[in-house]
Amino acid sequence: MPELPEITNFKSFLTETVLDKEIIEVEFPETKLLQASTTDFKKALLNNKFTGAQQLGKYLFLRTNKKKSLVFHFGMTGKFEVYQHNETPKHTHLLIRFRDSSHLAFVCVRKLGKIYLADGLEEFRKEQGLGKHALDLEEDEFQEIVQEKKGGVKSALTDQHFISGIGNVYADEILFQSEVHPKTRVEKLSEKEIKRLFDQMHEVLNTAIKKEGERSEFPSNYLSRSRKEGADCPKCSGKISMIKVSGRSTYFCPKCQKEKS
């Protein structure tokens, strides 16, 4: 599933390819993902232009010059295609044609994404009950969020109502780099461990953004390069283990990430 770093790269891609172009046609080959009527989408988009792109965790916003924003959640397989030819890509849910003959398609094979209209990022955040964008959090805000939570630390990191943008893969990486066991209860974290989690959250997410989400290009000491049960730990002589945490497959090194009693 695309997480914060991947969405950041989608944002950069759209900023370079679709801004300030007049929208002349909007089509919906499939409507399952739409969170408003096709009439509302056309009213908001036709004869309009995208003026900027914003991000809130796993959500991408395309602002228009008519105040409304087009908002995407990518589910497991959502992605964009920008092209000049007239053949619509398979599994397209939204197709936008521009005056310059280019096209923007939102493709989602497994149909788990969503497409919204919103008045703005902050309004949408409040309506959906989402936390702040992970990389916008200050250390004191992060500490307060973690200390307010109950239960396991991985669940705290991946709860989009508290922190927007961290999913399964990057939560595992942040915990691995922080040397915190994924089953550790939040109330057992020391202030030092919370600070380390905050620092590694920024380090891991920014590294993934710079590497454009290509895990094979991540630093050699990153778990994400060999996220597989039984693989060699990239930091010690141990082996990677897999357990279920809140129903999610979770990878860690038992030697590097000691479980607290």
C-alpha atoms as a PDB file:
ATOM      1  CA  MET A   1       0.000   0.000   0.000  1.00  0.00           C
ATOM      2  CA  PRO A   2       1.382   3.449  -0.843  1.00  0.00           C
ATOM      3  CA  GLU A   3       2.381   5.275   2.344  1.00  0.00           C
ATOM      4  CA  LEU A   4       3.529   8.834   3.017  1.00  0.00           C
ATOM      5  CA  PRO A   5       6.800   8.675   0.984  1.00  0.00           C
ATOM      6  CA  GLU A   6       5.115   7.212  -2.088  1.00  0.00           C
ATOM      7  CA  ILE A   7       2.334   9.822  -1.951  1.00  0.00           C
ATOM      8  CA  THR A   8       4.975  12.560  -1.683  1.00  0.00           C
ATOM      9  CA  ASN A   9       6.461  11.323  -4.938  1.00  0.00           C
ATOM     10  CA  PHE A  10       3.019  11.186  -6.572  1.00  0.00           C
ATOM     11  CA  LYS A  11       2.588  14.811  -5.505  1.00  0.00           C
ATOM     12  CA  SER A  12       5.867  15.814  -7.150  1.00  0.00           C
ATOM     13  CA  PHE A  13       4.887  13.948 -10.316  1.00  0.00           C
ATOM     14  CA  LEU A  14       1.526  15.719 -10.611  1.00  0.00           C
ATOM     15  CA  THR A  15       3.072  19.102  -9.799  1.00  0.00           C
ATOM     16  CA  GLU A  16       5.345  18.632 -12.805  1.00  0.00           C
ATOM     17  CA  THR A  17       2.689  17.324 -15.201  1.00  0.00           C
ATOM     18  CA  VAL A  18      -0.880  18.578 -14.663  1.00  0.00           C
ATOM     19  CA  LEU A  19      -0.906  22.034 -13.051  1.00  0.00           C
ATOM     20  CA  ASP A  20      -2.321  25.079 -14.859  1.00  0.00           C
ATOM     21  CA  LYS A  21      -3.904  23.087 -17.681  1.00  0.00           C
ATOM     22  CA  GLU A  22      -7.544  23.662 -18.607  1.00  0.00           C
ATOM     23  CA  ILE A  23      -9.770  20.650 -17.930  1.00  0.00           C
ATOM     24  CA  ILE A  24     -12.115  20.063 -20.885  1.00  0.00           C
ATOM     25  CA  GLU A  25     -13.547  16.626 -20.122  1.00  0.00           C
ATOM     26  CA  VAL A  26     -14.071  14.396 -17.073  1.00  0.00           C
ATOM     27  CA  GLU A  27     -15.020  10.716 -17.393  1.00  0.00           C
ATOM     28  CA  PHE A  28     -15.706   7.940 -14.885  1.00  0.00           C
ATOM     29  CA  PRO A  29     -15.140   4.510 -16.449  1.00  0.00           C
ATOM     30  CA  GLU A  30     -15.935   3.082 -13.000  1.00  0.00           C
ATOM     31  CA  THR A  31     -17.718   4.878 -10.167  1.00  0.00           C
ATOM     32  CA  LYS A  32     -17.119   2.618  -7.141  1.00  0.00           C
ATOM     33  CA  LEU A  33     -14.387   4.831  -5.670  1.00  0.00           C
ATOM     34  CA  LEU A  34     -16.303   8.109  -5.918  1.00  0.00           C
ATOM     35  CA  GLN A  35     -17.290   9.747  -2.635  1.00  0.00           C
ATOM     36  CA  ALA A  36     -19.513  12.349  -4.340  1.00  0.00           C
ATOM     37  CA  SER A  37     -21.825  12.288  -7.354  1.00  0.00           C
ATOM     38  CA  THR A  38     -20.461  12.411 -10.893  1.00  0.00           C
ATOM     39  CA  THR A  39     -22.410  15.657 -11.304  1.00  0.00           C
ATOM     40  CA  ASP A  40     -20.576  17.239  -8.375  1.00  0.00           C
ATOM     41  CA  PHE A  41     -17.194  16.126  -9.709  1.00  0.00           C
ATOM     42  CA  LYS A  42     -17.894  17.548 -13.162  1.00  0.00           C
ATOM     43  CA  LYS A  43     -19.186  20.812 -11.727  1.00  0.00           C
ATOM     44  CA  ALA A  44     -16.022  21.199  -9.650  1.00  0.00           C
ATOM     45  CA  LEU A  45     -13.572  20.238 -12.401  1.00  0.00           C
ATOM     46  CA  LEU A  46     -14.826  21.136 -15.886  1.00  0.00           C
ATOM     47  CA  ASN A  47     -13.334  24.308 -17.413  1.00  0.00           C
ATOM     48  CA  ASN A  48     -11.141  24.533 -14.340  1.00  0.00           C
ATOM     49  CA  LYS A  49      -7.423  24.141 -13.640  1.00  0.00           C
ATOM     50  CA  PHE A  50      -5.363  22.471 -10.944  1.00  0.00           C
ATOM     51  CA  THR A  51      -3.379  25.177  -9.192  1.00  0.00           C
ATOM     52  CA  GLY A  52      -1.356  23.164  -6.676  1.00  0.00           C
ATOM     53  CA  ALA A  53      -0.839  19.824  -4.941  1.00  0.00           C
ATOM     54  CA  GLN A  54      -0.889  19.137  -1.201  1.00  0.00           C
ATOM     55  CA  GLN A  55      -0.511  16.064   0.960  1.00  0.00           C
ATOM     56  CA  LEU A  56      -1.937  14.804   4.223  1.00  0.00           C
ATOM     57  CA  GLY A  57      -0.360  11.472   5.068  1.00  0.00           C
ATOM     58  CA  LYS A  58      -1.776   8.939   2.616  1.00  0.00           C
ATOM     59  CA  TYR A  59      -4.084  11.492   0.942  1.00  0.00           C
ATOM     60  CA  LEU A  60      -3.187  13.644  -2.054  1.00  0.00           C
ATOM     61  CA  PHE A  61      -5.017  16.915  -2.796  1.00  0.00           C
ATOM     62  CA  LEU A  62      -5.196  18.706  -6.144  1.00  0.00           C
ATOM     63  CA  ARG A  63      -6.418  22.262  -5.546  1.00  0.00           C
ATOM     64  CA  THR A  64      -8.498  23.981  -8.225  1.00  0.00           C
ATOM     65  CA  ASN A  65      -9.095  27.657  -8.967  1.00  0.00           C
ATOM     66  CA  LYS A  66     -12.758  27.145  -8.000  1.00  0.00           C
ATOM     67  CA  LYS A  67     -11.867  26.493  -4.349  1.00  0.00           C
ATOM     68  CA  LYS A  68     -12.645  22.768  -4.361  1.00  0.00           C
ATOM     69  CA  SER A  69      -9.895  20.157  -4.064  1.00  0.00           C
ATOM     70  CA  LEU A  70      -9.843  16.748  -5.703  1.00  0.00           C
ATOM     71  CA  VAL A  71      -8.633  14.234  -3.104  1.00  0.00           C
ATOM     72  CA  PHE A  72      -7.223  10.741  -3.646  1.00  0.00           C
ATOM     73  CA  HIS A  73      -6.656   7.833  -1.302  1.00  0.00           C
ATOM     74  CA  PHE A  74      -4.732   5.078  -3.033  1.00  0.00           C
ATOM     75  CA  GLY A  75      -5.811   1.905  -1.260  1.00  0.00           C
ATOM     76  CA  MET A  76      -3.454  -0.954  -2.118  1.00  0.00           C
ATOM     77  CA  THR A  77      -2.852  -0.293  -5.821  1.00  0.00           C
ATOM     78  CA  GLY A  78      -3.837   3.270  -6.721  1.00  0.00           C
ATOM     79  CA  LYS A  79      -1.573   5.200  -9.077  1.00  0.00           C
ATOM     80  CA  PHE A  80      -1.625   7.928 -11.732  1.00  0.00           C
ATOM     81  CA  GLU A  81      -0.890   7.798 -15.432  1.00  0.00           C
ATOM     82  CA  VAL A  82      -0.328  10.953 -17.467  1.00  0.00           C
ATOM     83  CA  TYR A  83      -0.212  10.424 -21.236  1.00  0.00           C
ATOM     84  CA  GLN A  84      -0.926  11.890 -24.687  1.00  0.00           C
ATOM     85  CA  HIS A  85      -2.467   8.942 -26.577  1.00  0.00           C
ATOM     86  CA  ASN A  86      -6.217   8.210 -26.610  1.00  0.00           C
ATOM     87  CA  GLU A  87      -6.230   4.679 -25.187  1.00  0.00           C
ATOM     88  CA  THR A  88      -7.616   4.660 -21.641  1.00  0.00           C
ATOM     89  CA  PRO A  89      -5.504   2.500 -19.263  1.00  0.00           C
ATOM     90  CA  LYS A  90      -7.141  -0.590 -17.798  1.00  0.00           C
ATOM     91  CA  HIS A  91      -8.758  -0.196 -14.360  1.00  0.00           C
ATOM     92  CA  THR A  92      -9.143   3.575 -14.758  1.00  0.00           C
ATOM     93  CA  HIS A  93     -11.691   5.087 -12.353  1.00  0.00           C
ATOM     94  CA  LEU A  94     -11.262   8.781 -13.178  1.00  0.00           C
ATOM     95  CA  LEU A  95     -10.089  10.210 -16.496  1.00  0.00           C
ATOM     96  CA  ILE A  96      -9.370  13.918 -16.994  1.00  0.00           C
ATOM     97  CA  ARG A  97      -8.637  15.397 -20.421  1.00  0.00           C
ATOM     98  CA  PHE A  98      -6.797  18.709 -20.725  1.00  0.00           C
ATOM     99  CA  ARG A  99      -6.886  21.388 -23.429  1.00  0.00           C
ATOM    100  CA  ASP A 100      -3.318  20.489 -24.498  1.00  0.00           C
ATOM    101  CA  SER A 101      -4.487  16.913 -25.383  1.00  0.00           C
ATOM    102  CA  SER A 102      -2.815  15.325 -22.361  1.00  0.00           C
ATOM    103  CA  HIS A 103      -4.738  13.019 -20.013  1.00  0.00           C
ATOM    104  CA  LEU A 104      -4.656  12.180 -16.309  1.00  0.00           C
ATOM    105  CA  ALA A 105      -5.963   8.741 -15.289  1.00  0.00           C
ATOM    106  CA  PHE A 106      -6.369   7.410 -11.761  1.00  0.00           C
ATOM    107  CA  VAL A 107      -5.861   3.667 -11.993  1.00  0.00           C
ATOM    108  CA  CYS A 108      -6.757   1.323  -9.130  1.00  0.00           C
ATOM    109  CA  VAL A 109      -6.694  -2.403  -9.883  1.00  0.00           C
ATOM    110  CA  ARG A 110      -8.029  -3.688  -6.551  1.00  0.00           C
ATOM    111  CA  LYS A 111     -10.651  -0.915  -6.207  1.00  0.00           C
ATOM    112  CA  LEU A 112      -9.710  -0.087  -2.614  1.00  0.00           C
ATOM    113  CA  GLY A 113      -8.900   3.580  -3.180  1.00  0.00           C
ATOM    114  CA  LYS A 114     -11.256   6.533  -2.801  1.00  0.00           C
ATOM    115  CA  ILE A 115     -11.802   9.819  -4.640  1.00  0.00           C
ATOM    116  CA  TYR A 116     -13.274  12.797  -2.793  1.00  0.00           C
ATOM    117  CA  LEU A 117     -14.144  16.444  -3.250  1.00  0.00           C
ATOM    118  CA  ALA A 118     -13.126  18.704  -0.374  1.00  0.00           C
ATOM    119  CA  ASP A 119     -13.236  22.398   0.511  1.00  0.00           C
ATOM    120  CA  GLY A 120      -9.608  22.261   1.644  1.00  0.00           C
ATOM    121  CA  LEU A 121      -7.002  20.136   3.398  1.00  0.00           C
ATOM    122  CA  GLU A 122      -7.692  21.267   6.943  1.00  0.00           C
ATOM    123  CA  GLU A 123     -11.459  20.984   6.512  1.00  0.00           C
ATOM    124  CA  PHE A 124     -11.028  17.465   5.128  1.00  0.00           C
ATOM    125  CA  ARG A 125      -8.679  16.494   7.973  1.00  0.00           C
ATOM    126  CA  LYS A 126     -11.248  17.492  10.573  1.00  0.00           C
ATOM    127  CA  GLU A 127     -14.151  15.864   8.720  1.00  0.00           C
ATOM    128  CA  GLN A 128     -12.276  12.567   8.452  1.00  0.00           C
ATOM    129  CA  GLY A 129     -10.848  12.739  11.986  1.00  0.00           C
ATOM    130  CA  LEU A 130      -7.251  12.451  10.760  1.00  0.00           C
ATOM    131  CA  GLY A 131      -4.072  13.322  12.626  1.00  0.00           C
ATOM    132  CA  LYS A 132      -1.435  15.744  11.417  1.00  0.00           C
ATOM    133  CA  HIS A 133       0.882  14.850   8.561  1.00  0.00           C
ATOM    134  CA  ALA A 134       3.686  12.798  10.164  1.00  0.00           C
ATOM    135  CA  LEU A 135       6.517  15.035   8.925  1.00  0.00           C
ATOM    136  CA  ASP A 136       4.727  18.169  10.158  1.00  0.00           C
ATOM    137  CA  LEU A 137       4.687  16.983  13.769  1.00  0.00           C
ATOM    138  CA  GLU A 138       6.960  18.696  16.289  1.00  0.00           C
ATOM    139  CA  GLU A 139       8.681  16.558  18.892  1.00  0.00           C
ATOM    140  CA  ASP A 140       6.455  17.731  21.749  1.00  0.00           C
ATOM    141  CA  GLU A 141       3.327  17.007  19.669  1.00  0.00           C
ATOM    142  CA  PHE A 142       4.591  13.508  18.877  1.00  0.00           C
ATOM    143  CA  GLN A 143       5.398  12.839  22.516  1.00  0.00           C
ATOM    144  CA  GLU A 144       1.937  13.988  23.586  1.00  0.00           C
ATOM    145  CA  ILE A 145       0.255  11.791  20.962  1.00  0.00           C
ATOM    146  CA  VAL A 146       2.231   8.710  21.976  1.00  0.00           C
ATOM    147  CA  GLN A 147       1.634   9.250  25.674  1.00  0.00           C
ATOM    148  CA  GLU A 148      -2.106   9.669  25.092  1.00  0.00           C
ATOM    149  CA  LYS A 149      -2.368   6.318  23.334  1.00  0.00           C
ATOM    150  CA  LYS A 150      -2.980   2.960  24.957  1.00  0.00           C
ATOM    151  CA  GLY A 151      -1.815  -0.416  23.751  1.00  0.00           C
ATOM    152  CA  GLY A 152       1.038  -1.356  21.434  1.00  0.00           C
ATOM    153  CA  VAL A 153       3.511   1.067  19.922  1.00  0.00           C
ATOM    154  CA  LYS A 154       3.023  -0.181  16.362  1.00  0.00           C
ATOM    155  CA  SER A 155      -0.701   0.447  16.597  1.00  0.00           C
ATOM    156  CA  ALA A 156       0.058   3.972  17.831  1.00  0.00           C
ATOM    157  CA  LEU A 157       2.339   4.710  14.879  1.00  0.00           C
ATOM    158  CA  THR A 158      -0.145   3.421  12.305  1.00  0.00           C
ATOM    159  CA  ASP A 159      -3.317   4.988  13.766  1.00  0.00           C
ATOM    160  CA  GLN A 160      -4.244   7.561  11.101  1.00  0.00           C
ATOM    161  CA  HIS A 161      -6.477   9.394  13.585  1.00  0.00           C
ATOM    162  CA  PHE A 162      -3.349  10.373  15.526  1.00  0.00           C
ATOM    163  CA  ILE A 163      -0.556  10.468  12.906  1.00  0.00           C
ATOM    164  CA  SER A 164      -1.260  10.631   9.162  1.00  0.00           C
ATOM    165  CA  GLY A 165       0.911   8.723   6.752  1.00  0.00           C
ATOM    166  CA  ILE A 166       2.645   5.786   8.451  1.00  0.00           C
ATOM    167  CA  GLY A 167       1.571   2.329   7.342  1.00  0.00           C
ATOM    168  CA  ASN A 168       2.743  -1.202   7.963  1.00  0.00           C
ATOM    169  CA  VAL A 169       6.088  -1.155   6.162  1.00  0.00           C
ATOM    170  CA  TYR A 170       7.433   2.142   7.485  1.00  0.00           C
ATOM    171  CA  ALA A 171       6.172   1.459  11.013  1.00  0.00           C
ATOM    172  CA  ASP A 172       8.294  -1.717  11.006  1.00  0.00           C
ATOM    173  CA  GLU A 173      11.298   0.249   9.725  1.00  0.00           C
ATOM    174  CA  ILE A 174      10.921   3.032  12.299  1.00  0.00           C
ATOM    175  CA  LEU A 175      10.691   0.469  15.117  1.00  0.00           C
ATOM    176  CA  PHE A 176      13.676  -1.462  13.750  1.00  0.00           C
ATOM    177  CA  GLN A 177      15.863   1.627  13.479  1.00  0.00           C
ATOM    178  CA  SER A 178      14.749   2.695  16.975  1.00  0.00           C
ATOM    179  CA  GLU A 179      15.455  -0.802  18.392  1.00  0.00           C
ATOM    180  CA  VAL A 180      11.959  -0.994  19.870  1.00  0.00           C
ATOM    181  CA  HIS A 181      10.054  -4.289  19.871  1.00  0.00           C
ATOM    182  CA  PRO A 182       6.786  -3.972  17.893  1.00  0.00           C
ATOM    183  CA  LYS A 183       4.734  -5.417  20.784  1.00  0.00           C
ATOM    184  CA  THR A 184       6.044  -2.879  23.316  1.00  0.00           C
ATOM    185  CA  ARG A 185       3.195  -1.173  25.114  1.00  0.00           C
ATOM    186  CA  VAL A 186       3.201   2.600  24.811  1.00  0.00           C
ATOM    187  CA  GLU A 187       3.113   3.127  28.567  1.00  0.00           C
ATOM    188  CA  LYS A 188       6.402   1.207  28.906  1.00  0.00           C
ATOM    189  CA  LEU A 189       8.315   3.493  26.532  1.00  0.00           C
ATOM    190  CA  SER A 190      10.915   5.726  28.134  1.00  0.00           C
ATOM    191  CA  GLU A 191      11.276   9.387  27.138  1.00  0.00           C
ATOM    192  CA  LYS A 192      14.532   8.423  25.430  1.00  0.00           C
ATOM    193  CA  GLU A 193      12.759   5.768  23.364  1.00  0.00           C
ATOM    194  CA  ILE A 194       9.959   8.172  22.391  1.00  0.00           C
ATOM    195  CA  LYS A 195      12.544  10.722  21.236  1.00  0.00           C
ATOM    196  CA  ARG A 196      14.344   8.018  19.257  1.00  0.00           C
ATOM    197  CA  LEU A 197      11.064   7.003  17.603  1.00  0.00           C
ATOM    198  CA  PHE A 198      10.390  10.626  16.648  1.00  0.00           C
ATOM    199  CA  ASP A 199      13.886  11.087  15.204  1.00  0.00           C
ATOM    200  CA  GLN A 200      13.720   7.824  13.279  1.00  0.00           C
ATOM    201  CA  MET A 201      10.240   8.613  11.977  1.00  0.00           C
ATOM    202  CA  HIS A 202      11.688  11.689  10.255  1.00  0.00           C
ATOM    203  CA  GLU A 203      14.860   9.901   9.175  1.00  0.00           C
ATOM    204  CA  VAL A 204      13.103   6.864   7.691  1.00  0.00           C
ATOM    205  CA  LEU A 205      10.346   8.782   5.906  1.00  0.00           C
ATOM    206  CA  ASN A 206      12.726  11.365   4.449  1.00  0.00           C
ATOM    207  CA  THR A 207      15.121   8.639   3.320  1.00  0.00           C
ATOM    208  CA  ALA A 208      12.267   6.809   1.574  1.00  0.00           C
ATOM    209  CA  ILE A 209      11.181  10.039  -0.138  1.00  0.00           C
ATOM    210  CA  LYS A 210      14.713  10.693  -1.398  1.00  0.00           C
ATOM    211  CA  LYS A 211      14.953   7.130  -2.719  1.00  0.00           C
ATOM    212  CA  GLU A 212      11.487   7.484  -4.330  1.00  0.00           C
ATOM    213  CA  GLY A 213      10.226   4.476  -2.383  1.00  0.00           C
ATOM    214  CA  GLU A 214      12.653   2.091  -4.114  1.00  0.00           C
ATOM    215  CA  ARG A 215      13.434  -0.218  -1.214  1.00  0.00           C
ATOM    216  CA  SER A 216      16.383  -1.817  -2.996  1.00  0.00           C
ATOM    217  CA  GLU A 217      17.996   1.640  -2.876  1.00  0.00           C
ATOM    218  CA  PHE A 218      17.496   2.107   0.883  1.00  0.00           C
ATOM    219  CA  PRO A 219      20.599   2.110   3.136  1.00  0.00           C
ATOM    220  CA  SER A 220      22.159  -1.307   3.723  1.00  0.00           C
ATOM    221  CA  ASN A 221      21.096  -1.316   7.388  1.00  0.00           C
ATOM    222  CA  TYR A 222      17.379  -0.956   6.534  1.00  0.00           C
ATOM    223  CA  LEU A 223      14.993  -3.810   7.292  1.00  0.00           C
ATOM    224  CA  SER A 224      12.827  -2.909   4.271  1.00  0.00           C
ATOM    225  CA  ARG A 225      15.500  -4.165   1.862  1.00  0.00           C
ATOM    226  CA  SER A 226      15.029  -7.759   3.083  1.00  0.00           C
ATOM    227  CA  ARG A 227      11.621  -7.719   4.777  1.00  0.00           C
ATOM    228  CA  LYS A 228      11.223 -11.484   4.885  1.00  0.00           C
ATOM    229  CA  GLU A 229      10.988 -14.038   7.663  1.00  0.00           C
ATOM    230  CA  GLY A 230      14.301 -15.852   8.103  1.00  0.00           C
ATOM    231  CA  ALA A 231      16.331 -13.209   6.261  1.00  0.00           C
ATOM    232  CA  ASP A 232      19.625 -12.050   7.759  1.00  0.00           C
ATOM    233  CA  CYS A 233      19.302  -9.020   9.998  1.00  0.00           C
ATOM    234  CA  PRO A 234      21.103  -6.097   8.307  1.00  0.00           C
ATOM    235  CA  LYS A 235      22.532  -4.974  11.655  1.00  0.00           C
ATOM    236  CA  CYS A 236      23.520  -8.127  13.563  1.00  0.00           C
ATOM    237  CA  SER A 237      23.920 -11.910  13.268  1.00  0.00           C
ATOM    238  CA  GLY A 238      20.241 -12.515  13.991  1.00  0.00           C
ATOM    239  CA  LYS A 239      17.396 -13.549  11.707  1.00  0.00           C
ATOM    240  CA  ILE A 240      14.270 -11.583  10.864  1.00  0.00           C
ATOM    241  CA  SER A 241      11.077 -12.862  12.497  1.00  0.00           C
ATOM    242  CA  MET A 242       7.454 -12.307  11.505  1.00  0.00           C
ATOM    243  CA  ILE A 243       4.582 -11.997  13.961  1.00  0.00           C
ATOM    244  CA  LYS A 244       1.042 -10.629  13.788  1.00  0.00           C
ATOM    245  CA  VAL A 245       0.418  -7.322  15.554  1.00  0.00           C
ATOM    246  CA  SER A 246      -3.184  -6.070  15.454  1.00  0.00           C
ATOM    247  CA  GLY A 247      -3.753  -8.455  12.564  1.00  0.00           C
ATOM    248  CA  ARG A 248      -0.840  -7.115  10.512  1.00  0.00           C
ATOM    249  CA  SER A 249       2.255  -9.006   9.414  1.00  0.00           C
ATOM    250  CA  THR A 250       5.105  -7.423  11.374  1.00  0.00           C
ATOM    251  CA  TYR A 251       8.812  -7.963  10.728  1.00  0.00           C
ATOM    252  CA  PHE A 252      11.552  -7.360  13.296  1.00  0.00           C
ATOM    253  CA  CYS A 253      14.861  -8.668  14.667  1.00  0.00           C
ATOM    254  CA  PRO A 254      14.525 -10.315  18.117  1.00  0.00           C
ATOM    255  CA  LYS A 255      18.184  -9.586  18.857  1.00  0.00           C
ATOM    256  CA  CYS A 256      18.080  -5.886  17.980  1.00  0.00           C
ATOM    257  CA  GLN A 257      14.557  -5.282  19.265  1.00  0.00           C
ATOM    258  CA  LYS A 258      14.319  -6.871  22.697  1.00  0.00           C
ATOM    259  CA  GLU A 259      10.849  -7.522  24.049  1.00  0.00           C
ATOM    260  CA  LYS A 260      10.177  -5.888  27.389  1.00  0.00           C
ATOM    261  CA  SER A 261       8.885  -8.067  30.211  1.00  0.00           C
END
